[in-house]
PDB file of N, CA and C in Angstrom:
ATOM      1  N   MET A   1     -45.508   7.634   5.554  1.00  0.00           N
ATOM      2  CA  MET A   1     -44.635   7.398   6.676  1.00  0.00           C
ATOM      3  C   MET A   1     -43.279   8.036   6.370  1.00  0.00           C
ATOM      4  N   ALA A   2     -42.807   8.865   7.269  1.00  0.00           N
ATOM      5  CA  ALA A   2     -41.535   9.570   7.074  1.00  0.00           C
ATOM      6  C   ALA A   2     -40.371   8.640   7.385  1.00  0.00           C
ATOM      7  N   ARG A   3     -39.343   8.763   6.586  1.00  0.00           N
ATOM      8  CA  ARG A   3     -38.138   7.970   6.821  1.00  0.00           C
ATOM      9  C   ARG A   3     -37.317   8.617   7.926  1.00  0.00           C
ATOM     10  N   PRO A   4     -36.742   7.829   8.792  1.00  0.00           N
ATOM     11  CA  PRO A   4     -35.882   8.419   9.824  1.00  0.00           C
ATOM     12  C   PRO A   4     -34.632   9.014   9.182  1.00  0.00           C
ATOM     13  N   LYS A   5     -34.152  10.077   9.788  1.00  0.00           N
ATOM     14  CA  LYS A   5     -32.954  10.735   9.275  1.00  0.00           C
ATOM     15  C   LYS A   5     -31.760   9.805   9.429  1.00  0.00           C
ATOM     16  N   ARG A   6     -30.940   9.763   8.392  1.00  0.00           N
ATOM     17  CA  ARG A   6     -29.742   8.932   8.451  1.00  0.00           C
ATOM     18  C   ARG A   6     -28.755   9.525   9.442  1.00  0.00           C
ATOM     19  N   SER A   7     -27.993   8.660  10.051  1.00  0.00           N
ATOM     20  CA  SER A   7     -26.982   9.146  10.987  1.00  0.00           C
ATOM     21  C   SER A   7     -25.837   9.774  10.205  1.00  0.00           C
ATOM     22  N   TRP A   8     -25.037  10.568  10.892  1.00  0.00           N
ATOM     23  CA  TRP A   8     -23.914  11.236  10.258  1.00  0.00           C
ATOM     24  C   TRP A   8     -22.839  10.232   9.897  1.00  0.00           C
ATOM     25  N   ASN A   9     -22.097  10.552   8.883  1.00  0.00           N
ATOM     26  CA  ASN A   9     -20.969   9.742   8.448  1.00  0.00           C
ATOM     27  C   ASN A   9     -19.780  10.091   9.346  1.00  0.00           C
ATOM     28  N   SER A  10     -19.382   9.179  10.217  1.00  0.00           N
ATOM     29  CA  SER A  10     -18.325   9.480  11.185  1.00  0.00           C
ATOM     30  C   SER A  10     -16.988   9.753  10.494  1.00  0.00           C
ATOM     31  N   HIS A  11     -16.735   9.096   9.371  1.00  0.00           N
ATOM     32  CA  HIS A  11     -15.497   9.349   8.628  1.00  0.00           C
ATOM     33  C   HIS A  11     -15.483  10.785   8.100  1.00  0.00           C
ATOM     34  N   GLN A  12     -16.584  11.219   7.537  1.00  0.00           N
ATOM     35  CA  GLN A  12     -16.679  12.582   7.006  1.00  0.00           C
ATOM     36  C   GLN A  12     -16.526  13.622   8.120  1.00  0.00           C
ATOM     37  N   ILE A  13     -17.123  13.393   9.247  1.00  0.00           N
ATOM     38  CA  ILE A  13     -17.012  14.324  10.377  1.00  0.00           C
ATOM     39  C   ILE A  13     -15.559  14.406  10.834  1.00  0.00           C
ATOM     40  N   ARG A  14     -14.899  13.266  10.936  1.00  0.00           N
ATOM     41  CA  ARG A  14     -13.497  13.242  11.378  1.00  0.00           C
ATOM     42  C   ARG A  14     -12.600  13.973  10.382  1.00  0.00           C
ATOM     43  N   MET A  15     -12.864  13.822   9.084  1.00  0.00           N
ATOM     44  CA  MET A  15     -12.071  14.504   8.062  1.00  0.00           C
ATOM     45  C   MET A  15     -12.263  16.021   8.150  1.00  0.00           C
ATOM     46  N   ARG A  16     -13.453  16.459   8.481  1.00  0.00           N
ATOM     47  CA  ARG A  16     -13.695  17.903   8.631  1.00  0.00           C
ATOM     48  C   ARG A  16     -13.020  18.458   9.878  1.00  0.00           C
ATOM     49  N   GLU A  17     -12.967  17.668  10.937  1.00  0.00           N
ATOM     50  CA  GLU A  17     -12.315  18.116  12.173  1.00  0.00           C
ATOM     51  C   GLU A  17     -10.805  18.231  12.007  1.00  0.00           C
ATOM     52  N   LEU A  18     -10.232  17.415  11.128  1.00  0.00           N
ATOM     53  CA  LEU A  18      -8.779  17.346  10.954  1.00  0.00           C
ATOM     54  C   LEU A  18      -8.415  17.641   9.494  1.00  0.00           C
ATOM     55  N   PRO A  19      -8.432  18.913   9.091  1.00  0.00           N
ATOM     56  CA  PRO A  19      -8.262  19.243   7.671  1.00  0.00           C
ATOM     57  C   PRO A  19      -6.821  19.282   7.163  1.00  0.00           C
ATOM     58  N   HIS A  20      -5.834  19.304   8.029  1.00  0.00           N
ATOM     59  CA  HIS A  20      -4.440  19.471   7.600  1.00  0.00           C
ATOM     60  C   HIS A  20      -3.775  18.103   7.445  1.00  0.00           C
ATOM     61  N   ILE A  21      -3.013  17.934   6.355  1.00  0.00           N
ATOM     62  CA  ILE A  21      -2.553  16.608   5.953  1.00  0.00           C
ATOM     63  C   ILE A  21      -1.033  16.524   5.861  1.00  0.00           C
ATOM     64  N   ALA A  22      -0.500  15.427   6.374  1.00  0.00           N
ATOM     65  CA  ALA A  22       0.889  15.022   6.121  1.00  0.00           C
ATOM     66  C   ALA A  22       0.800  13.807   5.204  1.00  0.00           C
ATOM     67  N   ARG A  23       1.628  13.770   4.174  1.00  0.00           N
ATOM     68  CA  ARG A  23       1.559  12.703   3.169  1.00  0.00           C
ATOM     69  C   ARG A  23       2.780  11.792   3.275  1.00  0.00           C
ATOM     70  N   LEU A  24       2.520  10.494   3.379  1.00  0.00           N
ATOM     71  CA  LEU A  24       3.580   9.495   3.463  1.00  0.00           C
ATOM     72  C   LEU A  24       3.479   8.609   2.220  1.00  0.00           C
ATOM     73  N   HIS A  25       4.476   8.654   1.347  1.00  0.00           N
ATOM     74  CA  HIS A  25       4.454   7.872   0.105  1.00  0.00           C
ATOM     75  C   HIS A  25       5.036   6.491   0.369  1.00  0.00           C
ATOM     76  N   ARG A  26       4.201   5.480   0.202  1.00  0.00           N
ATOM     77  CA  ARG A  26       4.646   4.109   0.463  1.00  0.00           C
ATOM     78  C   ARG A  26       3.723   3.155  -0.280  1.00  0.00           C
ATOM     79  N   THR A  27       4.274   2.282  -1.117  1.00  0.00           N
ATOM     80  CA  THR A  27       3.456   1.305  -1.832  1.00  0.00           C
ATOM     81  C   THR A  27       3.485  -0.059  -1.156  1.00  0.00           C
ATOM     82  N   GLU A  28       4.536  -0.352  -0.412  1.00  0.00           N
ATOM     83  CA  GLU A  28       4.680  -1.652   0.238  1.00  0.00           C
ATOM     84  C   GLU A  28       4.105  -1.594   1.651  1.00  0.00           C
ATOM     85  N   PRO A  29       3.740  -2.747   2.223  1.00  0.00           N
ATOM     86  CA  PRO A  29       3.238  -2.746   3.596  1.00  0.00           C
ATOM     87  C   PRO A  29       4.344  -2.387   4.588  1.00  0.00           C
ATOM     88  N   PHE A  30       3.923  -1.930   5.756  1.00  0.00           N
ATOM     89  CA  PHE A  30       4.862  -1.602   6.828  1.00  0.00           C
ATOM     90  C   PHE A  30       5.232  -2.857   7.611  1.00  0.00           C
ATOM     91  N   ARG A  31       6.440  -2.894   8.141  1.00  0.00           N
ATOM     92  CA  ARG A  31       6.765  -3.884   9.162  1.00  0.00           C
ATOM     93  C   ARG A  31       6.030  -3.439  10.424  1.00  0.00           C
ATOM     94  N   SER A  32       5.749  -4.346  11.318  1.00  0.00           N
ATOM     95  CA  SER A  32       4.984  -3.990  12.519  1.00  0.00           C
ATOM     96  C   SER A  32       5.728  -2.958  13.361  1.00  0.00           C
ATOM     97  N   ALA A  33       7.053  -3.023  13.407  1.00  0.00           N
ATOM     98  CA  ALA A  33       7.830  -2.042  14.174  1.00  0.00           C
ATOM     99  C   ALA A  33       7.727  -0.653  13.547  1.00  0.00           C
ATOM    100  N   ASP A  34       7.700  -0.578  12.209  1.00  0.00           N
ATOM    101  CA  ASP A  34       7.574   0.713  11.532  1.00  0.00           C
ATOM    102  C   ASP A  34       6.194   1.320  11.760  1.00  0.00           C
ATOM    103  N   ALA A  35       5.153   0.483  11.691  1.00  0.00           N
ATOM    104  CA  ALA A  35       3.793   0.976  11.932  1.00  0.00           C
ATOM    105  C   ALA A  35       3.660   1.487  13.367  1.00  0.00           C
ATOM    106  N   ALA A  36       4.239   0.771  14.325  1.00  0.00           N
ATOM    107  CA  ALA A  36       4.191   1.203  15.724  1.00  0.00           C
ATOM    108  C   ALA A  36       4.963   2.498  15.925  1.00  0.00           C
ATOM    109  N   GLU A  37       6.097   2.649  15.225  1.00  0.00           N
ATOM    110  CA  GLU A  37       6.887   3.876  15.338  1.00  0.00           C
ATOM    111  C   GLU A  37       6.136   5.075  14.758  1.00  0.00           C
ATOM    112  N   MET A  38       5.449   4.861  13.614  1.00  0.00           N
ATOM    113  CA  MET A  38       4.669   5.946  13.022  1.00  0.00           C
ATOM    114  C   MET A  38       3.510   6.351  13.941  1.00  0.00           C
ATOM    115  N   LYS A  39       2.837   5.355  14.524  1.00  0.00           N
ATOM    116  CA  LYS A  39       1.737   5.642  15.451  1.00  0.00           C
ATOM    117  C   LYS A  39       2.248   6.394  16.673  1.00  0.00           C
ATOM    118  N   ALA A  40       3.392   5.998  17.203  1.00  0.00           N
ATOM    119  CA  ALA A  40       3.962   6.676  18.369  1.00  0.00           C
ATOM    120  C   ALA A  40       4.338   8.113  18.035  1.00  0.00           C
ATOM    121  N   ALA A  41       4.864   8.349  16.843  1.00  0.00           N
ATOM    122  CA  ALA A  41       5.221   9.714  16.436  1.00  0.00           C
ATOM    123  C   ALA A  41       3.973  10.578  16.304  1.00  0.00           C
ATOM    124  N   ALA A  42       2.916  10.040  15.693  1.00  0.00           N
ATOM    125  CA  ALA A  42       1.673  10.804  15.550  1.00  0.00           C
ATOM    126  C   ALA A  42       1.047  11.074  16.917  1.00  0.00           C
ATOM    127  N   ASP A  43       1.084  10.080  17.810  1.00  0.00           N
ATOM    128  CA  ASP A  43       0.562  10.276  19.170  1.00  0.00           C
ATOM    129  C   ASP A  43       1.352  11.342  19.918  1.00  0.00           C
ATOM    130  N   ARG A  44       2.663  11.354  19.736  1.00  0.00           N
ATOM    131  CA  ARG A  44       3.513  12.339  20.402  1.00  0.00           C
ATOM    132  C   ARG A  44       3.230  13.747  19.868  1.00  0.00           C
ATOM    133  N   ILE A  45       2.966  13.873  18.577  1.00  0.00           N
ATOM    134  CA  ILE A  45       2.739  15.180  17.960  1.00  0.00           C
ATOM    135  C   ILE A  45       1.356  15.725  18.294  1.00  0.00           C
ATOM    136  N   ALA A  46       0.316  14.886  18.188  1.00  0.00           N
ATOM    137  CA  ALA A  46      -1.051  15.396  18.330  1.00  0.00           C
ATOM    138  C   ALA A  46      -1.881  14.703  19.398  1.00  0.00           C
ATOM    139  N   GLY A  47      -1.337  13.731  20.088  1.00  0.00           N
ATOM    140  CA  GLY A  47      -2.123  12.991  21.062  1.00  0.00           C
ATOM    141  C   GLY A  47      -2.868  11.859  20.371  1.00  0.00           C
ATOM    142  N   PRO A  48      -3.286  10.848  21.126  1.00  0.00           N
ATOM    143  CA  PRO A  48      -3.924   9.679  20.521  1.00  0.00           C
ATOM    144  C   PRO A  48      -5.206   9.982  19.748  1.00  0.00           C
ATOM    145  N   ALA A  49      -5.945  10.989  20.146  1.00  0.00           N
ATOM    146  CA  ALA A  49      -7.196  11.310  19.450  1.00  0.00           C
ATOM    147  C   ALA A  49      -7.046  12.477  18.486  1.00  0.00           C
ATOM    148  N   GLY A  50      -5.845  12.994  18.308  1.00  0.00           N
ATOM    149  CA  GLY A  50      -5.657  14.189  17.501  1.00  0.00           C
ATOM    150  C   GLY A  50      -5.220  13.958  16.078  1.00  0.00           C
ATOM    151  N   TRP A  51      -5.252  12.714  15.599  1.00  0.00           N
ATOM    152  CA  TRP A  51      -4.851  12.435  14.225  1.00  0.00           C
ATOM    153  C   TRP A  51      -5.684  11.290  13.673  1.00  0.00           C
ATOM    154  N   TYR A  52      -5.651  11.164  12.346  1.00  0.00           N
ATOM    155  CA  TYR A  52      -6.477  10.177  11.658  1.00  0.00           C
ATOM    156  C   TYR A  52      -5.771   9.809  10.362  1.00  0.00           C
ATOM    157  N   ALA A  53      -5.508   8.547  10.112  1.00  0.00           N
ATOM    158  CA  ALA A  53      -4.783   8.128   8.909  1.00  0.00           C
ATOM    159  C   ALA A  53      -5.702   7.339   7.984  1.00  0.00           C
ATOM    160  N   VAL A  54      -5.640   7.672   6.700  1.00  0.00           N
ATOM    161  CA  VAL A  54      -6.409   6.970   5.674  1.00  0.00           C
ATOM    162  C   VAL A  54      -5.523   6.767   4.448  1.00  0.00           C
ATOM    163  N   ALA A  55      -5.921   5.846   3.602  1.00  0.00           N
ATOM    164  CA  ALA A  55      -5.217   5.646   2.335  1.00  0.00           C
ATOM    165  C   ALA A  55      -5.710   6.687   1.344  1.00  0.00           C
ATOM    166  N   GLY A  56      -4.793   7.212   0.536  1.00  0.00           N
ATOM    167  CA  GLY A  56      -5.183   8.177  -0.480  1.00  0.00           C
ATOM    168  C   GLY A  56      -5.965   7.500  -1.590  1.00  0.00           C
ATOM    169  N   TRP A  57      -7.049   8.122  -2.033  1.00  0.00           N
ATOM    170  CA  TRP A  57      -7.858   7.523  -3.086  1.00  0.00           C
ATOM    171  C   TRP A  57      -8.002   8.432  -4.302  1.00  0.00           C
ATOM    172  N   LEU A  58      -7.692   9.713  -4.186  1.00  0.00           N
ATOM    173  CA  LEU A  58      -7.707  10.593  -5.349  1.00  0.00           C
ATOM    174  C   LEU A  58      -6.528  10.236  -6.253  1.00  0.00           C
ATOM    175  N   PRO A  59      -6.620  10.502  -7.556  1.00  0.00           N
ATOM    176  CA  PRO A  59      -5.499  10.165  -8.447  1.00  0.00           C
ATOM    177  C   PRO A  59      -4.159  10.755  -7.991  1.00  0.00           C
ATOM    178  N   ALA A  60      -4.162  11.941  -7.433  1.00  0.00           N
ATOM    179  CA  ALA A  60      -2.911  12.549  -6.965  1.00  0.00           C
ATOM    180  C   ALA A  60      -2.409  11.913  -5.671  1.00  0.00           C
ATOM    181  N   ASP A  61      -3.272  11.208  -4.946  1.00  0.00           N
ATOM    182  CA  ASP A  61      -2.919  10.657  -3.637  1.00  0.00           C
ATOM    183  C   ASP A  61      -2.748   9.139  -3.617  1.00  0.00           C
ATOM    184  N   VAL A  62      -2.862   8.488  -4.768  1.00  0.00           N
ATOM    185  CA  VAL A  62      -2.692   7.037  -4.806  1.00  0.00           C
ATOM    186  C   VAL A  62      -1.270   6.708  -4.352  1.00  0.00           C
ATOM    187  N   ASP A  63      -1.102   5.649  -3.633  1.00  0.00           N
ATOM    188  CA  ASP A  63       0.174   5.207  -3.046  1.00  0.00           C
ATOM    189  C   ASP A  63       0.619   6.087  -1.886  1.00  0.00           C
ATOM    190  N   PHE A  64      -0.240   6.938  -1.369  1.00  0.00           N
ATOM    191  CA  PHE A  64       0.086   7.765  -0.214  1.00  0.00           C
ATOM    192  C   PHE A  64      -0.779   7.350   0.964  1.00  0.00           C
ATOM    193  N   LYS A  65      -0.210   7.438   2.152  1.00  0.00           N
ATOM    194  CA  LYS A  65      -0.984   7.341   3.389  1.00  0.00           C
ATOM    195  C   LYS A  65      -1.166   8.780   3.843  1.00  0.00           C
ATOM    196  N   LEU A  66      -2.397   9.216   4.007  1.00  0.00           N
ATOM    197  CA  LEU A  66      -2.700  10.588   4.392  1.00  0.00           C
ATOM    198  C   LEU A  66      -2.971  10.618   5.889  1.00  0.00           C
ATOM    199  N   ILE A  67      -2.198  11.411   6.599  1.00  0.00           N
ATOM    200  CA  ILE A  67      -2.329  11.505   8.050  1.00  0.00           C
ATOM    201  C   ILE A  67      -2.885  12.892   8.350  1.00  0.00           C
ATOM    202  N   HIS A  68      -4.108  12.936   8.849  1.00  0.00           N
ATOM    203  CA  HIS A  68      -4.817  14.196   9.067  1.00  0.00           C
ATOM    204  C   HIS A  68      -4.589  14.711  10.486  1.00  0.00           C
ATOM    205  N   PHE A  69      -4.442  16.036  10.588  1.00  0.00           N
ATOM    206  CA  PHE A  69      -4.239  16.711  11.871  1.00  0.00           C
ATOM    207  C   PHE A  69      -5.133  17.944  11.948  1.00  0.00           C
ATOM    208  N   ALA A  70      -5.315  18.471  13.153  1.00  0.00           N
ATOM    209  CA  ALA A  70      -6.171  19.638  13.361  1.00  0.00           C
ATOM    210  C   ALA A  70      -5.477  20.946  13.000  1.00  0.00           C
ATOM    211  N   THR A  71      -4.173  21.031  13.175  1.00  0.00           N
ATOM    212  CA  THR A  71      -3.470  22.295  12.919  1.00  0.00           C
ATOM    213  C   THR A  71      -2.373  22.093  11.876  1.00  0.00           C
ATOM    214  N   PRO A  72      -2.026  23.164  11.157  1.00  0.00           N
ATOM    215  CA  PRO A  72      -0.942  23.045  10.185  1.00  0.00           C
ATOM    216  C   PRO A  72       0.404  22.741  10.846  1.00  0.00           C
ATOM    217  N   ALA A  73       0.615  23.226  12.065  1.00  0.00           N
ATOM    218  CA  ALA A  73       1.882  22.967  12.759  1.00  0.00           C
ATOM    219  C   ALA A  73       2.055  21.470  13.031  1.00  0.00           C
ATOM    220  N   GLU A  74       0.979  20.782  13.407  1.00  0.00           N
ATOM    221  CA  GLU A  74       1.059  19.338  13.648  1.00  0.00           C
ATOM    222  C   GLU A  74       1.355  18.585  12.352  1.00  0.00           C
ATOM    223  N   ALA A  75       0.684  18.981  11.263  1.00  0.00           N
ATOM    224  CA  ALA A  75       0.924  18.325   9.972  1.00  0.00           C
ATOM    225  C   ALA A  75       2.361  18.553   9.505  1.00  0.00           C
ATOM    226  N   GLU A  76       2.874  19.759   9.696  1.00  0.00           N
ATOM    227  CA  GLU A  76       4.257  20.053   9.308  1.00  0.00           C
ATOM    228  C   GLU A  76       5.247  19.265  10.162  1.00  0.00           C
ATOM    229  N   ALA A  77       4.960  19.143  11.461  1.00  0.00           N
ATOM    230  CA  ALA A  77       5.839  18.370  12.345  1.00  0.00           C
ATOM    231  C   ALA A  77       5.866  16.901  11.923  1.00  0.00           C
ATOM    232  N   MET A  78       4.719  16.351  11.557  1.00  0.00           N
ATOM    233  CA  MET A  78       4.673  14.959  11.107  1.00  0.00           C
ATOM    234  C   MET A  78       5.392  14.804   9.771  1.00  0.00           C
ATOM    235  N   GLN A  79       5.221  15.759   8.861  1.00  0.00           N
ATOM    236  CA  GLN A  79       5.905  15.695   7.569  1.00  0.00           C
ATOM    237  C   GLN A  79       7.422  15.745   7.765  1.00  0.00           C
ATOM    238  N   ARG A  80       7.865  16.563   8.717  1.00  0.00           N
ATOM    239  CA  ARG A  80       9.288  16.636   9.048  1.00  0.00           C
ATOM    240  C   ARG A  80       9.778  15.299   9.603  1.00  0.00           C
ATOM    241  N   TRP A  81       8.986  14.689  10.489  1.00  0.00           N
ATOM    242  CA  TRP A  81       9.362  13.398  11.055  1.00  0.00           C
ATOM    243  C   TRP A  81       9.454  12.331   9.961  1.00  0.00           C
ATOM    244  N   ILE A  82       8.512  12.343   9.015  1.00  0.00           N
ATOM    245  CA  ILE A  82       8.534  11.378   7.909  1.00  0.00           C
ATOM    246  C   ILE A  82       9.835  11.513   7.123  1.00  0.00           C
ATOM    247  N   ALA A  83      10.217  12.754   6.824  1.00  0.00           N
ATOM    248  CA  ALA A  83      11.445  12.988   6.053  1.00  0.00           C
ATOM    249  C   ALA A  83      12.691  12.587   6.846  1.00  0.00           C
ATOM    250  N   GLU A  84      12.723  12.918   8.135  1.00  0.00           N
ATOM    251  CA  GLU A  84      13.910  12.644   8.952  1.00  0.00           C
ATOM    252  C   GLU A  84      14.055  11.168   9.307  1.00  0.00           C
ATOM    253  N   SER A  85      12.946  10.473   9.492  1.00  0.00           N
ATOM    254  CA  SER A  85      13.013   9.072   9.922  1.00  0.00           C
ATOM    255  C   SER A  85      13.339   8.122   8.776  1.00  0.00           C
ATOM    256  N   GLY A  86      13.048   8.520   7.550  1.00  0.00           N
ATOM    257  CA  GLY A  86      13.278   7.638   6.410  1.00  0.00           C
ATOM    258  C   GLY A  86      12.305   6.483   6.327  1.00  0.00           C
ATOM    259  N   ILE A  87      11.143   6.618   6.929  1.00  0.00           N
ATOM    260  CA  ILE A  87      10.169   5.526   6.970  1.00  0.00           C
ATOM    261  C   ILE A  87       9.643   5.171   5.580  1.00  0.00           C
ATOM    262  N   GLU A  88       9.683   6.110   4.651  1.00  0.00           N
ATOM    263  CA  GLU A  88       9.184   5.840   3.298  1.00  0.00           C
ATOM    264  C   GLU A  88      10.073   4.858   2.537  1.00  0.00           C
ATOM    265  N   THR A  89      11.344   4.807   2.876  1.00  0.00           N
ATOM    266  CA  THR A  89      12.283   3.969   2.120  1.00  0.00           C
ATOM    267  C   THR A  89      12.724   2.721   2.877  1.00  0.00           C
ATOM    268  N   ARG A  90      12.142   2.458   4.013  1.00  0.00           N
ATOM    269  CA  ARG A  90      12.510   1.256   4.770  1.00  0.00           C
ATOM    270  C   ARG A  90      12.000   0.007   4.058  1.00  0.00           C
ATOM    271  N   PRO A  91      12.680  -1.129   4.238  1.00  0.00           N
ATOM    272  CA  PRO A  91      12.262  -2.343   3.531  1.00  0.00           C
ATOM    273  C   PRO A  91      10.929  -2.878   4.042  1.00  0.00           C
ATOM    274  N   ALA A  92      10.239  -3.577   3.150  1.00  0.00           N
ATOM    275  CA  ALA A  92       8.971  -4.223   3.500  1.00  0.00           C
ATOM    276  C   ALA A  92       9.261  -5.475   4.323  1.00  0.00           C
ATOM    277  N   PRO A  93       8.253  -6.000   5.013  1.00  0.00           N
ATOM    278  CA  PRO A  93       8.473  -7.237   5.766  1.00  0.00           C
ATOM    279  C   PRO A  93       8.794  -8.400   4.823  1.00  0.00           C
ATOM    280  N   GLU A  94       9.566  -9.344   5.331  1.00  0.00           N
ATOM    281  CA  GLU A  94       9.909 -10.528   4.545  1.00  0.00           C
ATOM    282  C   GLU A  94       8.668 -11.408   4.391  1.00  0.00           C
ATOM    283  N   PRO A  95       8.507 -12.060   3.233  1.00  0.00           N
ATOM    284  CA  PRO A  95       7.371 -12.973   3.081  1.00  0.00           C
ATOM    285  C   PRO A  95       7.503 -14.167   4.024  1.00  0.00           C
ATOM    286  N   TYR A  96       6.386 -14.716   4.408  1.00  0.00           N
ATOM    287  CA  TYR A  96       6.363 -15.867   5.315  1.00  0.00           C
ATOM    288  C   TYR A  96       6.936 -17.087   4.607  1.00  0.00           C
ATOM    289  N   ARG A  97       7.924 -17.724   5.221  1.00  0.00           N
ATOM    290  CA  ARG A  97       8.594 -18.882   4.616  1.00  0.00           C
ATOM    291  C   ARG A  97       8.309 -20.183   5.382  1.00  0.00           C
ATOM    292  N   GLY A  98       7.381 -20.146   6.294  1.00  0.00           N
ATOM    293  CA  GLY A  98       7.082 -21.332   7.092  1.00  0.00           C
ATOM    294  C   GLY A  98       6.203 -22.318   6.353  1.00  0.00           C
ATOM    295  N   PRO A  99       5.791 -23.377   7.037  1.00  0.00           N
ATOM    296  CA  PRO A  99       4.952 -24.389   6.397  1.00  0.00           C
ATOM    297  C   PRO A  99       3.576 -23.825   6.048  1.00  0.00           C
ATOM    298  N   GLN A 100       3.051 -24.271   4.923  1.00  0.00           N
ATOM    299  CA  GLN A 100       1.744 -23.835   4.453  1.00  0.00           C
ATOM    300  C   GLN A 100       0.732 -24.959   4.650  1.00  0.00           C
ATOM    301  N   LEU A 101      -0.468 -24.608   5.046  1.00  0.00           N
ATOM    302  CA  LEU A 101      -1.525 -25.605   5.166  1.00  0.00           C
ATOM    303  C   LEU A 101      -2.088 -25.908   3.786  1.00  0.00           C
ATOM    304  N   THR A 102      -2.436 -27.159   3.563  1.00  0.00           N
ATOM    305  CA  THR A 102      -3.068 -27.540   2.308  1.00  0.00           C
ATOM    306  C   THR A 102      -4.551 -27.736   2.558  1.00  0.00           C
ATOM    307  N   VAL A 103      -5.272 -28.140   1.532  1.00  0.00           N
ATOM    308  CA  VAL A 103      -6.716 -28.306   1.654  1.00  0.00           C
ATOM    309  C   VAL A 103      -7.068 -29.369   2.685  1.00  0.00           C
ATOM    310  N   GLY A 104      -6.294 -30.425   2.751  1.00  0.00           N
ATOM    311  CA  GLY A 104      -6.577 -31.501   3.694  1.00  0.00           C
ATOM    312  C   GLY A 104      -6.166 -31.188   5.119  1.00  0.00           C
ATOM    313  N   GLY A 105      -5.514 -30.055   5.355  1.00  0.00           N
ATOM    314  CA  GLY A 105      -5.104 -29.680   6.694  1.00  0.00           C
ATOM    315  C   GLY A 105      -3.705 -30.126   7.053  1.00  0.00           C
ATOM    316  N   THR A 106      -3.029 -30.813   6.156  1.00  0.00           N
ATOM    317  CA  THR A 106      -1.655 -31.224   6.430  1.00  0.00           C
ATOM    318  C   THR A 106      -0.699 -30.166   5.901  1.00  0.00           C
ATOM    319  N   THR A 107       0.508 -30.175   6.412  1.00  0.00           N
ATOM    320  CA  THR A 107       1.494 -29.188   5.964  1.00  0.00           C
ATOM    321  C   THR A 107       2.409 -29.808   4.926  1.00  0.00           C
ATOM    322  N   ARG A 108       3.000 -28.931   4.133  1.00  0.00           N
ATOM    323  CA  ARG A 108       3.977 -29.371   3.125  1.00  0.00           C
ATOM    324  C   ARG A 108       5.360 -29.156   3.640  1.00  0.00           C
TER     325      ARG A 108
END
């Protein structure tokens, strides 16, 4: 009995479609306003379906967010925006200081 062919890896296909990369160095999480601003900038540069962001996993890319684009001009425009906006050096969100739930469901 023949095994059915595996479906394509959608992540791999998307990476091949968008080979040009803008690199954003950031170890801390984004504030929600910063993440929305970065998404709006990428949408403005390449359109909502024209970019793809992943975390860097190669040793040279650890601590980087890799934003993939179809053309080198789009990647360069995003890299310029990253440098001009200062998003890499903005502060991380404040830790939650509200009441915490305990095992019994009561708050402290």
